[in-house]
Amino acid sequence: MVTQSTVILGTGSYTPERILTNEELSKMVETSDEWIRTRSGIKERRIAAPGESTSDMAVHAARAALTDAGLLASDIDLLVVATITPDLPLPAAACIIQHKLGMRTNAACFDINAACSGFIYGIDTACAMLTSGRYHKALVIGAEKLSAIVDWKERTTCVLFGDGAGAVVIGCSDQPNIGLIGSRLGAYGESVDLLCIPKGGSDSPATPESIAAGDHFMRMKGKEVFKLAVRAMDEAARDILEQYSLHADQISLVIPHQANLRIIEAISKYLELPMDRFFVNVDRYGNTSAASVPIALDEARKSGRIKPGDITLLVAFGAGLTYGSALIRW
């Protein structure tokens, strides 16, 4: 019996047209281009147009990935969407995206809420479902409209985030030694309060008072998140390399979550890999949460940074605090 591999058949991404620069932000809140760049490496970010939803951006990325894979939406029987900013609290964004793409109605469609690690969680989930033999072609999307949950009066958060979407099409292959090698997922649930939206859920439904206080916006304890992010990403990267008996110097390219350039530089130092082995676009998009890794993956692949035979390491952390890593052989 031949064991099938799960392989990426196509990639796609989408970012809104509107560019919000650091200079523009400095007119909105007390900040400066230098303050933002020295602390995060971010120069600009993309902001969704009025009326442009998370599902709209996801559909753009999905169509690009399907075209790249040479497939139609009707070929997909599994849709996994990683997002913390669905169009509506109910139903799942995946159901809205299914309809907009014109997918068949007997496709499995659901969301994953693992914040910035969501895409890696989605990859792991989709690959496991494909290898079960019950599904044949999967579409995994990371899409976020973070501009909708950012407090634009809070400079410690509003300068960091942006909007966008990325997608991959995954299928099975009889060719050995390619595709997803493995993944490593986890969470530090005791640190929920470091990055969260305080009110609006079933435990604390929104009230006029909570809305007036801005408790339905994202809140972050930056210094604590930074420290735990470096620890989580370093451990996730080291653990998966050890699990599959690989050395860091065998990794052709690392595609990290694009949250902060200083975090990426710290991971580079701990893994003893030069920064030219890391794909970085945080300067142009900021932190796009679940969309971060798939946007970077698509750009890396289409710019020639990924070649057949290469091993790519994906690594991320997010609210929860979740973390994840994945190894892919192309």
Protein backbone atom coordinates (compact mmCIF):
# COMPACT_ATOMS: atom_id res chain seq x y z
CA MET A 1 0.00 0.00 0.00
CA VAL A 2 1.38 3.39 -1.05
CA THR A 3 1.20 6.11 1.59
CA GLN A 4 0.02 9.32 0.01
CA SER A 5 1.64 12.68 0.66
CA THR A 6 -0.33 15.88 1.13
CA VAL A 7 1.05 18.57 -1.15
CA ILE A 8 0.41 22.22 -1.88
CA LEU A 9 -0.95 22.45 -5.41
CA GLY A 10 -1.34 26.22 -5.59
CA THR A 11 -1.04 29.43 -3.60
CA GLY A 12 -2.70 32.83 -3.75
CA SER A 13 -2.93 36.06 -1.81
CA TYR A 14 -4.74 39.37 -1.75
CA THR A 15 -4.14 42.68 0.00
CA PRO A 16 -6.40 45.74 -0.21
CA GLU A 17 -5.44 48.68 -2.40
CA ARG A 18 -5.36 51.27 0.38
CA ILE A 19 -1.92 51.76 1.93
CA LEU A 20 -1.79 53.37 5.36
CA THR A 21 1.71 54.69 6.03
CA ASN A 22 3.38 55.46 9.33
CA GLU A 23 3.32 59.14 8.41
CA GLU A 24 -0.46 59.05 8.02
CA LEU A 25 -0.81 57.24 11.35
CA SER A 26 1.24 59.92 13.06
CA LYS A 27 -1.57 62.35 12.21
CA MET A 28 -4.14 60.05 13.83
CA VAL A 29 -2.38 59.10 17.09
CA GLU A 30 0.66 60.28 19.01
CA THR A 31 3.38 58.34 17.19
CA SER A 32 6.01 58.72 14.47
CA ASP A 33 7.50 56.79 11.61
CA GLU A 34 10.71 56.30 13.60
CA TRP A 35 8.85 55.08 16.71
CA ILE A 36 6.95 52.46 14.72
CA ARG A 37 9.87 51.29 12.57
CA THR A 38 12.36 50.92 15.43
CA ARG A 39 9.90 48.90 17.52
CA SER A 40 8.29 46.74 14.85
CA GLY A 41 9.97 47.13 11.47
CA ILE A 42 6.63 48.16 9.96
CA LYS A 43 6.56 50.98 7.40
CA GLU A 44 3.01 50.61 6.08
CA ARG A 45 -0.01 48.33 6.14
CA ARG A 46 -3.07 47.65 3.94
CA ILE A 47 -6.57 48.61 5.02
CA ALA A 48 -9.76 47.14 3.58
CA ALA A 49 -12.00 49.48 1.62
CA PRO A 50 -15.38 50.52 3.03
CA GLY A 51 -17.71 47.58 2.49
CA GLU A 52 -14.85 45.16 1.82
CA SER A 53 -15.29 42.18 4.12
CA THR A 54 -13.05 39.36 5.31
CA SER A 55 -14.91 36.99 3.00
CA ASP A 56 -14.37 39.32 0.02
CA MET A 57 -10.61 39.28 0.59
CA ALA A 58 -10.63 35.53 1.17
CA VAL A 59 -12.40 34.95 -2.14
CA HIS A 60 -9.76 36.97 -4.04
CA ALA A 61 -6.96 34.91 -2.48
CA ALA A 62 -8.83 31.64 -3.01
CA ARG A 63 -9.45 32.31 -6.68
CA ALA A 64 -5.76 33.09 -7.19
CA ALA A 65 -4.78 29.83 -5.46
CA LEU A 66 -7.29 27.82 -7.51
CA THR A 67 -5.99 29.35 -10.74
CA ASP A 68 -2.43 28.56 -9.68
CA ALA A 69 -3.44 24.95 -9.00
CA GLY A 70 -5.35 24.66 -12.27
CA LEU A 71 -8.55 23.73 -10.44
CA LEU A 72 -12.11 25.00 -10.14
CA ALA A 73 -14.02 25.85 -6.97
CA SER A 74 -16.24 22.83 -7.73
CA ASP A 75 -13.18 20.57 -7.34
CA ILE A 76 -12.87 21.48 -3.64
CA ASP A 77 -14.61 19.27 -1.07
CA LEU A 78 -12.99 20.74 2.07
CA LEU A 79 -12.79 24.42 2.99
CA VAL A 80 -10.96 25.51 6.15
CA VAL A 81 -10.86 29.22 6.98
CA ALA A 82 -8.56 30.61 9.67
CA THR A 83 -9.82 33.95 10.95
CA ILE A 84 -10.60 35.94 14.08
CA THR A 85 -12.57 38.51 12.08
CA PRO A 86 -15.40 36.62 10.34
CA ASP A 87 -18.03 38.71 8.56
CA LEU A 88 -20.55 37.73 11.26
CA PRO A 89 -20.30 36.04 14.67
CA LEU A 90 -22.60 33.40 13.17
CA PRO A 91 -22.35 31.62 10.74
CA ALA A 92 -18.77 30.64 9.92
CA ALA A 93 -16.97 32.74 7.34
CA ALA A 94 -16.28 29.50 5.46
CA CYS A 95 -19.98 29.12 4.61
CA ILE A 96 -20.15 32.65 3.21
CA ILE A 97 -16.94 32.05 1.21
CA GLN A 98 -18.26 28.72 -0.08
CA HIS A 99 -21.29 30.50 -1.54
CA LYS A 100 -19.28 33.38 -3.03
CA LEU A 101 -16.85 30.96 -4.69
CA GLY A 102 -19.65 28.80 -6.09
CA MET A 103 -18.40 25.65 -4.40
CA ARG A 104 -20.54 22.54 -4.28
CA THR A 105 -22.93 22.19 -1.35
CA ASN A 106 -21.54 18.82 -0.23
CA ALA A 107 -18.17 20.34 0.70
CA ALA A 108 -17.19 20.49 4.38
CA CYS A 109 -16.81 24.14 5.45
CA PHE A 110 -15.69 25.47 8.82
CA ASP A 111 -13.61 28.16 10.56
CA ILE A 112 -10.62 27.86 12.88
CA ASN A 113 -10.00 30.51 15.54
CA ALA A 114 -6.34 30.21 16.50
CA ALA A 115 -5.47 33.84 15.72
CA CYS A 116 -2.08 34.31 14.07
CA SER A 117 -1.32 30.57 14.25
CA GLY A 118 -4.61 29.79 12.53
CA PHE A 119 -3.25 29.07 9.08
CA ILE A 120 -0.79 26.47 10.39
CA TYR A 121 -3.60 24.91 12.44
CA GLY A 122 -5.65 24.89 9.24
CA ILE A 123 -2.89 23.23 7.21
CA ASP A 124 -2.51 20.50 9.83
CA THR A 125 -6.27 19.92 10.03
CA ALA A 126 -6.78 19.81 6.26
CA CYS A 127 -3.86 17.45 5.67
CA ALA A 128 -5.13 15.06 8.34
CA MET A 129 -8.60 15.06 6.78
CA LEU A 130 -7.17 14.46 3.30
CA THR A 131 -5.05 11.52 4.44
CA SER A 132 -8.19 9.96 5.95
CA GLY A 133 -9.28 9.34 2.36
CA ARG A 134 -12.67 10.96 2.88
CA TYR A 135 -11.67 14.24 1.21
CA HIS A 136 -9.69 14.85 -1.95
CA LYS A 137 -9.00 18.54 -2.48
CA ALA A 138 -8.78 21.15 0.28
CA LEU A 139 -8.73 24.93 0.24
CA VAL A 140 -7.14 26.50 3.32
CA ILE A 141 -7.52 30.27 3.72
CA GLY A 142 -6.16 32.73 6.27
CA ALA A 143 -8.08 36.01 6.07
CA GLU A 144 -8.41 38.98 8.38
CA LYS A 145 -9.97 42.43 8.55
CA LEU A 146 -8.14 43.54 11.69
CA SER A 147 -8.92 47.18 10.99
CA ALA A 148 -12.43 46.35 12.25
CA ILE A 149 -11.28 45.30 15.74
CA VAL A 150 -8.42 47.76 16.29
CA ASP A 151 -8.88 50.82 18.47
CA TRP A 152 -7.58 53.59 16.22
CA LYS A 153 -6.98 55.78 19.27
CA GLU A 154 -4.63 53.24 20.89
CA ARG A 155 -1.16 53.68 19.41
CA THR A 156 0.35 50.52 20.91
CA THR A 157 -1.96 48.33 18.82
CA CYS A 158 -3.30 50.29 15.85
CA VAL A 159 0.17 50.76 14.36
CA LEU A 160 0.80 47.00 14.20
CA PHE A 161 -2.09 45.50 12.29
CA GLY A 162 -3.36 45.32 8.72
CA ASP A 163 -5.83 43.50 6.47
CA GLY A 164 -5.40 40.80 3.84
CA ALA A 165 -5.83 37.15 2.87
CA GLY A 166 -3.78 34.20 1.68
CA ALA A 167 -4.78 30.74 0.51
CA VAL A 168 -3.43 27.35 -0.52
CA VAL A 169 -4.94 24.42 -2.35
CA ILE A 170 -3.89 21.04 -0.97
CA GLY A 171 -4.22 17.61 -2.54
CA CYS A 172 -2.74 14.14 -2.28
CA SER A 173 0.19 12.73 -4.23
CA ASP A 174 1.68 9.24 -4.64
CA GLN A 175 5.10 10.81 -5.06
CA PRO A 176 7.12 10.09 -1.91
CA ASN A 177 9.17 12.57 0.13
CA ILE A 178 7.28 15.72 -0.84
CA GLY A 179 4.58 17.80 0.79
CA LEU A 180 3.83 18.24 4.46
CA ILE A 181 6.55 16.52 6.49
CA GLY A 182 4.82 17.28 9.78
CA SER A 183 3.53 19.94 12.14
CA ARG A 184 3.71 20.93 15.79
CA LEU A 185 0.84 22.76 17.48
CA GLY A 186 0.30 24.01 21.02
CA ALA A 187 -1.02 26.77 23.27
CA TYR A 188 -0.28 28.59 26.52
CA GLY A 189 -3.88 28.89 27.69
CA GLU A 190 -2.87 30.50 30.96
CA SER A 191 -1.84 33.61 28.99
CA VAL A 192 -5.22 34.39 27.43
CA ASP A 193 -5.28 37.88 28.90
CA LEU A 194 -2.08 38.97 27.14
CA LEU A 195 -3.86 39.38 23.80
CA CYS A 196 -7.63 39.38 23.70
CA ILE A 197 -10.90 41.22 23.14
CA PRO A 198 -12.16 41.67 26.73
CA LYS A 199 -15.90 41.88 26.09
CA GLY A 200 -18.50 40.75 23.62
CA GLY A 201 -18.46 36.98 24.11
CA SER A 202 -20.91 34.73 25.97
CA ASP A 203 -19.07 35.27 29.27
CA SER A 204 -19.27 39.06 28.99
CA PRO A 205 -21.85 40.16 26.42
CA ALA A 206 -21.44 43.64 25.02
CA THR A 207 -23.18 46.42 26.93
CA PRO A 208 -23.42 50.16 26.29
CA GLU A 209 -20.80 50.60 29.02
CA SER A 210 -18.35 48.07 27.53
CA ILE A 211 -18.74 49.58 24.09
CA ALA A 212 -18.14 53.07 25.46
CA ALA A 213 -14.99 51.77 27.16
CA GLY A 214 -13.72 50.23 23.91
CA ASP A 215 -13.73 46.72 25.38
CA HIS A 216 -14.83 45.22 22.06
CA PHE A 217 -11.46 46.20 20.55
CA MET A 218 -8.28 44.16 20.66
CA ARG A 219 -6.12 44.63 23.76
CA MET A 220 -2.49 43.56 24.06
CA LYS A 221 0.23 43.55 26.73
CA GLY A 222 3.05 44.15 24.30
CA LYS A 223 6.16 43.36 26.36
CA GLU A 224 4.74 40.12 27.74
CA VAL A 225 3.52 39.01 24.30
CA PHE A 226 6.93 39.73 22.79
CA LYS A 227 8.74 37.54 25.32
CA LEU A 228 6.32 34.64 25.05
CA ALA A 229 6.21 34.91 21.25
CA VAL A 230 9.97 34.51 20.94
CA ARG A 231 9.91 31.56 23.34
CA ALA A 232 6.97 29.86 21.61
CA MET A 233 8.29 30.26 18.07
CA ASP A 234 11.78 29.16 19.05
CA GLU A 235 10.48 26.05 20.82
CA ALA A 236 8.03 25.23 18.01
CA ALA A 237 10.83 25.47 15.43
CA ARG A 238 13.35 23.48 17.48
CA ASP A 239 10.83 20.80 18.44
CA ILE A 240 9.73 20.05 14.90
CA LEU A 241 13.31 19.97 13.60
CA GLU A 242 14.26 17.53 16.34
CA GLN A 243 11.14 15.43 15.75
CA TYR A 244 12.10 14.88 12.11
CA SER A 245 15.87 14.68 12.69
CA LEU A 246 16.63 17.83 10.73
CA HIS A 247 19.18 20.57 11.40
CA ALA A 248 18.37 24.24 10.99
CA ASP A 249 20.91 24.57 8.17
CA GLN A 250 18.83 22.10 6.11
CA ILE A 251 15.98 24.62 5.99
CA SER A 252 16.06 26.58 2.74
CA LEU A 253 13.58 29.21 3.89
CA VAL A 254 11.78 30.11 7.09
CA ILE A 255 8.38 31.76 6.70
CA PRO A 256 7.57 33.21 10.13
CA HIS A 257 4.46 34.98 11.30
CA GLN A 258 4.96 38.62 10.36
CA ALA A 259 4.22 40.30 13.69
CA ASN A 260 7.40 42.18 14.47
CA LEU A 261 10.80 42.32 12.79
CA ARG A 262 12.55 42.13 16.18
CA ILE A 263 10.83 38.81 16.93
CA ILE A 264 11.96 37.43 13.57
CA GLU A 265 15.51 38.62 14.22
CA ALA A 266 15.46 36.93 17.64
CA ILE A 267 14.37 33.61 16.09
CA SER A 268 17.11 33.98 13.49
CA LYS A 269 19.66 34.36 16.28
CA TYR A 270 18.38 31.44 18.36
CA LEU A 271 18.24 29.08 15.36
CA GLU A 272 21.65 30.35 14.19
CA LEU A 273 20.28 30.98 10.73
CA PRO A 274 21.08 34.18 8.79
CA MET A 275 18.25 36.60 8.12
CA ASP A 276 18.52 35.93 4.39
CA ARG A 277 16.95 32.53 5.13
CA PHE A 278 13.86 34.27 6.48
CA PHE A 279 11.11 35.69 4.29
CA VAL A 280 10.09 39.11 5.58
CA ASN A 281 7.24 41.35 4.40
CA VAL A 282 6.12 42.80 7.75
CA ASP A 283 7.46 46.17 6.60
CA ARG A 284 4.77 46.32 3.89
CA TYR A 285 1.77 44.67 5.52
CA GLY A 286 2.21 44.74 9.28
CA ASN A 287 0.60 41.95 11.27
CA THR A 288 -2.29 40.38 9.34
CA SER A 289 -2.85 37.58 11.88
CA ALA A 290 -4.00 34.34 10.19
CA ALA A 291 -3.34 35.86 6.76
CA SER A 292 0.29 36.60 7.59
CA VAL A 293 1.92 33.22 6.84
CA PRO A 294 -0.08 32.40 3.66
CA ILE A 295 0.53 35.85 2.17
CA ALA A 296 4.26 35.46 2.81
CA LEU A 297 4.21 31.88 1.49
CA ASP A 298 2.56 32.97 -1.76
CA GLU A 299 4.97 35.87 -2.24
CA ALA A 300 8.00 33.70 -1.44
CA ARG A 301 6.94 31.01 -3.87
CA LYS A 302 6.09 33.38 -6.72
CA SER A 303 9.28 35.41 -6.26
CA GLY A 304 11.43 32.29 -6.71
CA ARG A 305 12.46 31.93 -3.05
CA ILE A 306 11.08 28.36 -2.98
CA LYS A 307 12.37 25.71 -5.39
CA PRO A 308 11.72 21.97 -5.90
CA GLY A 309 13.50 19.95 -3.25
CA ASP A 310 13.59 22.82 -0.75
CA ILE A 311 12.42 22.36 2.83
CA THR A 312 10.42 25.29 4.16
CA LEU A 313 9.66 25.94 7.82
CA LEU A 314 6.46 27.77 8.75
CA VAL A 315 6.27 29.07 12.33
CA ALA A 316 3.78 31.31 14.12
CA PHE A 317 2.26 32.38 17.43
CA GLY A 318 -1.00 34.10 18.20
CA ALA A 319 -3.61 35.04 20.77
CA GLY A 320 -4.47 32.16 23.03
CA LEU A 321 -1.51 32.12 23.16
CA THR A 322 -1.37 29.56 20.35
CA TYR A 323 1.73 28.52 18.46
CA GLY A 324 2.54 26.22 15.59
CA SER A 325 5.18 25.09 13.13
CA ALA A 326 5.13 23.03 9.95
CA LEU A 327 7.74 21.57 7.61
CA ILE A 328 7.07 21.32 3.87
CA ARG A 329 9.26 19.67 1.27
CA TRP A 330 8.61 21.02 -2.23
